[in-house]
């Protein structure tokens, strides 16, 4: 439902305000995130497409969110931008093609 808006935010390097059902918290939470990718999970047993985001508001060391579409309640594209260098520290293999220079 939010896929196109999410992918456009990837291309525009725009942060998003994400509302999603947190299984850990048992309720809907809101986070400011950088959209990283949309596609199958490489780690989960369920390989279904997911929204992959960098969570700026995380209170834990793990800052990556990988959410199934059914968990997402809303995605609002913000005016503020992000830099991939803020969080990309690995060799990338994105599903969604993008022009992020050395982080593509």
N, C-alpha and C. Protein backbone atom coordinates (compact mmCIF):
# COMPACT_ATOMS: atom_id res chain seq x y z
N UNK A 1 0.81 -1.19 0.00
CA UNK A 1 0.00 0.00 0.00
C UNK A 1 0.86 1.27 0.00
N UNK A 2 1.98 1.22 0.71
CA UNK A 2 2.87 2.39 0.79
C UNK A 2 4.14 2.21 -0.04
N UNK A 3 4.20 1.14 -0.78
CA UNK A 3 5.42 0.76 -1.49
C UNK A 3 5.96 1.87 -2.39
N UNK A 4 5.12 2.44 -3.25
CA UNK A 4 5.59 3.47 -4.19
C UNK A 4 6.11 4.71 -3.47
N UNK A 5 5.41 5.14 -2.44
CA UNK A 5 5.83 6.30 -1.65
C UNK A 5 7.18 6.00 -0.97
N UNK A 6 7.32 4.80 -0.47
CA UNK A 6 8.54 4.37 0.20
C UNK A 6 9.72 4.36 -0.77
N UNK A 7 9.52 3.78 -1.95
CA UNK A 7 10.59 3.71 -2.94
C UNK A 7 10.97 5.11 -3.43
N UNK A 8 10.00 6.00 -3.58
CA UNK A 8 10.32 7.37 -3.97
C UNK A 8 11.16 8.05 -2.89
N UNK A 9 10.87 7.78 -1.62
CA UNK A 9 11.67 8.35 -0.53
C UNK A 9 13.10 7.83 -0.56
N UNK A 10 13.30 6.58 -0.98
CA UNK A 10 14.66 6.04 -1.16
C UNK A 10 15.39 6.89 -2.20
N UNK A 11 14.75 7.11 -3.34
CA UNK A 11 15.38 7.87 -4.44
C UNK A 11 15.64 9.33 -4.06
N UNK A 12 14.72 9.91 -3.28
CA UNK A 12 14.82 11.32 -2.91
C UNK A 12 15.66 11.54 -1.65
N UNK A 13 16.14 10.44 -1.04
CA UNK A 13 16.93 10.52 0.20
C UNK A 13 16.17 11.28 1.29
N UNK A 14 14.88 10.97 1.44
CA UNK A 14 14.02 11.61 2.43
C UNK A 14 13.74 10.68 3.59
N UNK A 15 13.81 11.21 4.79
CA UNK A 15 13.41 10.44 5.97
C UNK A 15 11.90 10.24 5.95
N UNK A 16 11.44 9.24 6.67
CA UNK A 16 10.01 8.97 6.79
C UNK A 16 9.64 8.86 8.26
N UNK A 17 8.38 9.22 8.53
CA UNK A 17 7.80 8.94 9.84
C UNK A 17 6.99 7.68 9.66
N UNK A 18 7.35 6.64 10.38
CA UNK A 18 6.77 5.33 10.22
C UNK A 18 5.93 4.98 11.44
N UNK A 19 4.69 4.55 11.22
CA UNK A 19 3.85 3.98 12.27
C UNK A 19 3.69 2.51 11.94
N UNK A 20 3.99 1.65 12.92
CA UNK A 20 3.90 0.21 12.66
C UNK A 20 3.55 -0.54 13.93
N UNK A 21 2.99 -1.73 13.74
CA UNK A 21 2.70 -2.58 14.88
C UNK A 21 3.98 -3.28 15.29
N UNK A 22 4.41 -3.00 16.52
CA UNK A 22 5.62 -3.61 17.06
C UNK A 22 5.23 -4.87 17.82
N UNK A 23 5.69 -6.01 17.32
CA UNK A 23 5.43 -7.27 18.01
C UNK A 23 6.09 -7.26 19.39
N UNK A 24 7.26 -6.66 19.49
CA UNK A 24 8.00 -6.59 20.74
C UNK A 24 7.25 -5.77 21.80
N UNK A 25 6.66 -4.64 21.37
CA UNK A 25 5.95 -3.76 22.30
C UNK A 25 4.46 -4.11 22.43
N UNK A 26 3.94 -4.87 21.47
CA UNK A 26 2.53 -5.23 21.50
C UNK A 26 1.59 -4.08 21.20
N UNK A 27 2.08 -3.08 20.49
CA UNK A 27 1.26 -1.89 20.17
C UNK A 27 1.85 -1.18 18.95
N UNK A 28 1.13 -0.20 18.46
CA UNK A 28 1.61 0.62 17.35
C UNK A 28 2.59 1.65 17.89
N UNK A 29 3.75 1.75 17.26
CA UNK A 29 4.77 2.74 17.63
C UNK A 29 5.11 3.58 16.42
N UNK A 30 5.70 4.74 16.68
CA UNK A 30 6.08 5.66 15.61
C UNK A 30 7.58 5.92 15.70
N UNK A 31 8.24 5.88 14.56
CA UNK A 31 9.69 6.08 14.49
C UNK A 31 10.05 6.97 13.31
N UNK A 32 11.15 7.71 13.45
CA UNK A 32 11.73 8.44 12.34
C UNK A 32 12.80 7.53 11.74
N UNK A 33 12.71 7.30 10.43
CA UNK A 33 13.58 6.31 9.78
C UNK A 33 14.09 6.80 8.43
N UNK A 34 15.15 6.16 7.98
CA UNK A 34 15.61 6.29 6.61
C UNK A 34 15.18 5.02 5.88
N UNK A 35 14.49 5.16 4.75
CA UNK A 35 14.12 3.98 3.98
C UNK A 35 15.35 3.41 3.30
N UNK A 36 15.60 2.11 3.49
CA UNK A 36 16.79 1.50 2.91
C UNK A 36 16.48 0.65 1.69
N UNK A 37 15.44 -0.18 1.78
CA UNK A 37 15.17 -1.10 0.67
C UNK A 37 13.77 -1.69 0.83
N UNK A 38 13.25 -2.24 -0.25
CA UNK A 38 12.00 -2.99 -0.22
C UNK A 38 12.24 -4.27 -0.98
N UNK A 39 12.09 -5.39 -0.28
CA UNK A 39 12.30 -6.67 -0.93
C UNK A 39 12.36 -7.77 0.11
N UNK A 40 12.71 -8.97 -0.32
CA UNK A 40 12.73 -10.11 0.60
C UNK A 40 13.79 -9.96 1.69
N UNK A 41 13.50 -10.58 2.81
CA UNK A 41 14.46 -10.60 3.91
C UNK A 41 15.52 -11.65 3.61
N UNK A 42 16.75 -11.32 3.90
CA UNK A 42 17.83 -12.28 3.71
C UNK A 42 18.07 -13.07 4.99
N UNK A 43 17.50 -12.62 6.10
CA UNK A 43 17.75 -13.27 7.39
C UNK A 43 16.56 -14.07 7.91
N UNK A 44 15.36 -13.59 7.68
CA UNK A 44 14.17 -14.25 8.22
C UNK A 44 13.84 -15.53 7.46
N UNK A 45 13.19 -16.45 8.13
CA UNK A 45 12.74 -17.68 7.47
C UNK A 45 11.71 -17.36 6.40
N UNK A 46 10.81 -16.42 6.71
CA UNK A 46 9.80 -15.96 5.77
C UNK A 46 10.46 -14.97 4.81
N UNK A 47 10.62 -15.33 3.56
CA UNK A 47 11.34 -14.51 2.58
C UNK A 47 10.44 -13.48 1.88
N UNK A 48 9.24 -13.24 2.42
CA UNK A 48 8.31 -12.28 1.81
C UNK A 48 8.94 -10.88 1.78
N UNK A 49 8.48 -10.08 0.82
CA UNK A 49 8.96 -8.70 0.71
C UNK A 49 8.64 -7.92 1.99
N UNK A 50 9.58 -7.05 2.34
CA UNK A 50 9.48 -6.25 3.56
C UNK A 50 10.00 -4.85 3.30
N UNK A 51 9.60 -3.95 4.17
CA UNK A 51 10.17 -2.62 4.23
C UNK A 51 11.40 -2.71 5.13
N UNK A 52 12.55 -2.27 4.63
CA UNK A 52 13.79 -2.28 5.41
C UNK A 52 14.17 -0.83 5.68
N UNK A 53 14.34 -0.50 6.95
CA UNK A 53 14.57 0.90 7.34
C UNK A 53 15.66 1.00 8.39
N UNK A 54 16.30 2.17 8.43
CA UNK A 54 17.23 2.50 9.50
C UNK A 54 16.44 3.33 10.50
N UNK A 55 16.37 2.87 11.74
CA UNK A 55 15.58 3.50 12.78
C UNK A 55 16.44 4.47 13.59
N UNK A 56 16.21 5.77 13.40
CA UNK A 56 16.97 6.77 14.14
C UNK A 56 16.55 6.85 15.61
N UNK A 57 15.35 6.39 15.92
CA UNK A 57 14.81 6.52 17.28
C UNK A 57 15.00 5.27 18.13
N UNK A 58 15.69 4.28 17.62
CA UNK A 58 15.86 3.01 18.34
C UNK A 58 16.56 3.22 19.68
N UNK A 59 16.07 2.49 20.68
CA UNK A 59 16.70 2.57 21.99
C UNK A 59 17.62 1.36 22.23
N UNK A 60 17.87 0.61 21.16
CA UNK A 60 18.77 -0.55 21.27
C UNK A 60 19.91 -0.37 20.28
N UNK A 61 20.88 -1.26 20.36
CA UNK A 61 22.02 -1.19 19.45
C UNK A 61 21.62 -1.51 18.01
N UNK A 62 20.63 -2.39 17.84
CA UNK A 62 20.17 -2.78 16.50
C UNK A 62 19.25 -1.68 15.96
N UNK A 63 19.64 -1.06 14.87
CA UNK A 63 18.88 0.06 14.33
C UNK A 63 18.11 -0.28 13.06
N UNK A 64 18.19 -1.50 12.58
CA UNK A 64 17.51 -1.88 11.34
C UNK A 64 16.14 -2.47 11.67
N UNK A 65 15.12 -1.96 10.96
CA UNK A 65 13.77 -2.52 11.04
C UNK A 65 13.48 -3.21 9.72
N UNK A 66 12.94 -4.40 9.77
CA UNK A 66 12.47 -5.11 8.58
C UNK A 66 11.04 -5.53 8.86
N UNK A 67 10.10 -4.86 8.20
CA UNK A 67 8.69 -5.02 8.53
C UNK A 67 7.89 -5.56 7.35
N UNK A 68 7.05 -6.52 7.65
CA UNK A 68 6.10 -7.01 6.65
C UNK A 68 5.08 -5.92 6.38
N UNK A 69 4.56 -5.83 5.15
CA UNK A 69 3.59 -4.79 4.83
C UNK A 69 2.40 -4.73 5.79
N UNK A 70 1.96 -5.86 6.30
CA UNK A 70 0.83 -5.87 7.22
C UNK A 70 1.09 -5.20 8.56
N UNK A 71 2.35 -5.04 8.93
CA UNK A 71 2.72 -4.38 10.18
C UNK A 71 2.68 -2.86 10.05
N UNK A 72 2.83 -2.34 8.82
CA UNK A 72 2.93 -0.90 8.59
C UNK A 72 1.54 -0.27 8.63
N UNK A 73 1.40 0.72 9.52
CA UNK A 73 0.14 1.45 9.65
C UNK A 73 0.13 2.71 8.80
N UNK A 74 1.29 3.38 8.70
CA UNK A 74 1.38 4.61 7.92
C UNK A 74 2.84 4.94 7.64
N UNK A 75 3.08 5.53 6.48
CA UNK A 75 4.39 6.08 6.13
C UNK A 75 4.16 7.50 5.64
N UNK A 76 4.80 8.45 6.32
CA UNK A 76 4.73 9.86 5.93
C UNK A 76 6.14 10.29 5.52
N UNK A 77 6.28 10.79 4.30
CA UNK A 77 7.59 11.26 3.83
C UNK A 77 7.83 12.65 4.43
N UNK A 78 8.98 12.82 5.05
CA UNK A 78 9.32 14.07 5.72
C UNK A 78 10.14 14.98 4.80
N UNK A 79 10.24 16.23 5.16
CA UNK A 79 11.04 17.18 4.41
C UNK A 79 12.53 16.97 4.65
N UNK A 80 12.88 16.41 5.80
CA UNK A 80 14.29 16.23 6.14
C UNK A 80 14.90 15.07 5.34
N UNK A 81 16.15 15.24 5.01
CA UNK A 81 16.84 14.24 4.20
C UNK A 81 17.82 13.45 5.07
N UNK A 82 18.34 12.37 4.50
CA UNK A 82 19.35 11.57 5.17
C UNK A 82 20.51 11.35 4.22
N UNK A 83 21.62 10.94 4.78
CA UNK A 83 22.81 10.58 4.00
C UNK A 83 23.06 9.10 4.23
N UNK A 84 23.18 8.31 3.17
CA UNK A 84 23.47 6.88 3.34
C UNK A 84 24.71 6.63 4.20
N UNK A 85 25.67 7.55 4.18
CA UNK A 85 26.90 7.38 4.97
C UNK A 85 26.63 7.38 6.47
N UNK A 86 25.43 7.82 6.88
CA UNK A 86 25.08 7.82 8.30
C UNK A 86 24.93 6.40 8.85
N UNK A 87 24.63 5.45 7.97
CA UNK A 87 24.37 4.10 8.47
C UNK A 87 24.90 2.96 7.61
N UNK A 88 25.18 3.17 6.35
CA UNK A 88 25.64 2.08 5.49
C UNK A 88 27.12 1.84 5.75
N UNK A 89 27.40 0.67 6.34
CA UNK A 89 28.79 0.30 6.66
C UNK A 89 29.13 -1.08 6.11
N UNK A 90 28.31 -1.58 5.21
CA UNK A 90 28.48 -2.93 4.67
C UNK A 90 28.46 -2.88 3.15
N UNK A 91 28.89 -3.94 2.51
CA UNK A 91 28.81 -4.05 1.05
C UNK A 91 27.34 -4.25 0.70
N UNK A 92 26.81 -3.36 -0.09
CA UNK A 92 25.36 -3.37 -0.37
C UNK A 92 25.01 -4.26 -1.55
N UNK A 93 23.81 -4.77 -1.49
CA UNK A 93 23.22 -5.57 -2.56
C UNK A 93 21.72 -5.28 -2.55
N UNK A 94 21.37 -4.00 -2.83
CA UNK A 94 19.99 -3.55 -2.73
C UNK A 94 19.10 -4.23 -3.76
N UNK A 95 17.85 -4.41 -3.40
CA UNK A 95 16.83 -4.92 -4.33
C UNK A 95 16.36 -3.78 -5.23
N UNK A 96 16.08 -2.63 -4.62
CA UNK A 96 15.61 -1.45 -5.36
C UNK A 96 16.84 -0.70 -5.89
N UNK A 97 16.98 -0.60 -7.22
CA UNK A 97 18.11 0.16 -7.77
C UNK A 97 18.03 1.63 -7.33
N UNK A 98 19.17 2.24 -7.09
CA UNK A 98 19.19 3.64 -6.69
C UNK A 98 20.51 4.27 -7.06
N UNK A 99 20.56 5.59 -6.99
CA UNK A 99 21.79 6.32 -7.29
C UNK A 99 22.29 6.96 -6.00
N UNK A 100 22.93 6.15 -5.16
CA UNK A 100 23.49 6.62 -3.90
C UNK A 100 25.01 6.64 -3.97
N UNK A 101 25.56 6.80 -5.17
CA UNK A 101 27.00 6.84 -5.32
C UNK A 101 27.65 5.56 -4.84
N UNK A 102 28.67 5.66 -3.99
CA UNK A 102 29.39 4.48 -3.51
C UNK A 102 28.52 3.59 -2.63
N UNK A 103 27.36 4.07 -2.20
CA UNK A 103 26.45 3.29 -1.35
C UNK A 103 25.33 2.63 -2.14
N UNK A 104 25.43 2.69 -3.47
CA UNK A 104 24.39 2.11 -4.33
C UNK A 104 24.52 0.60 -4.44
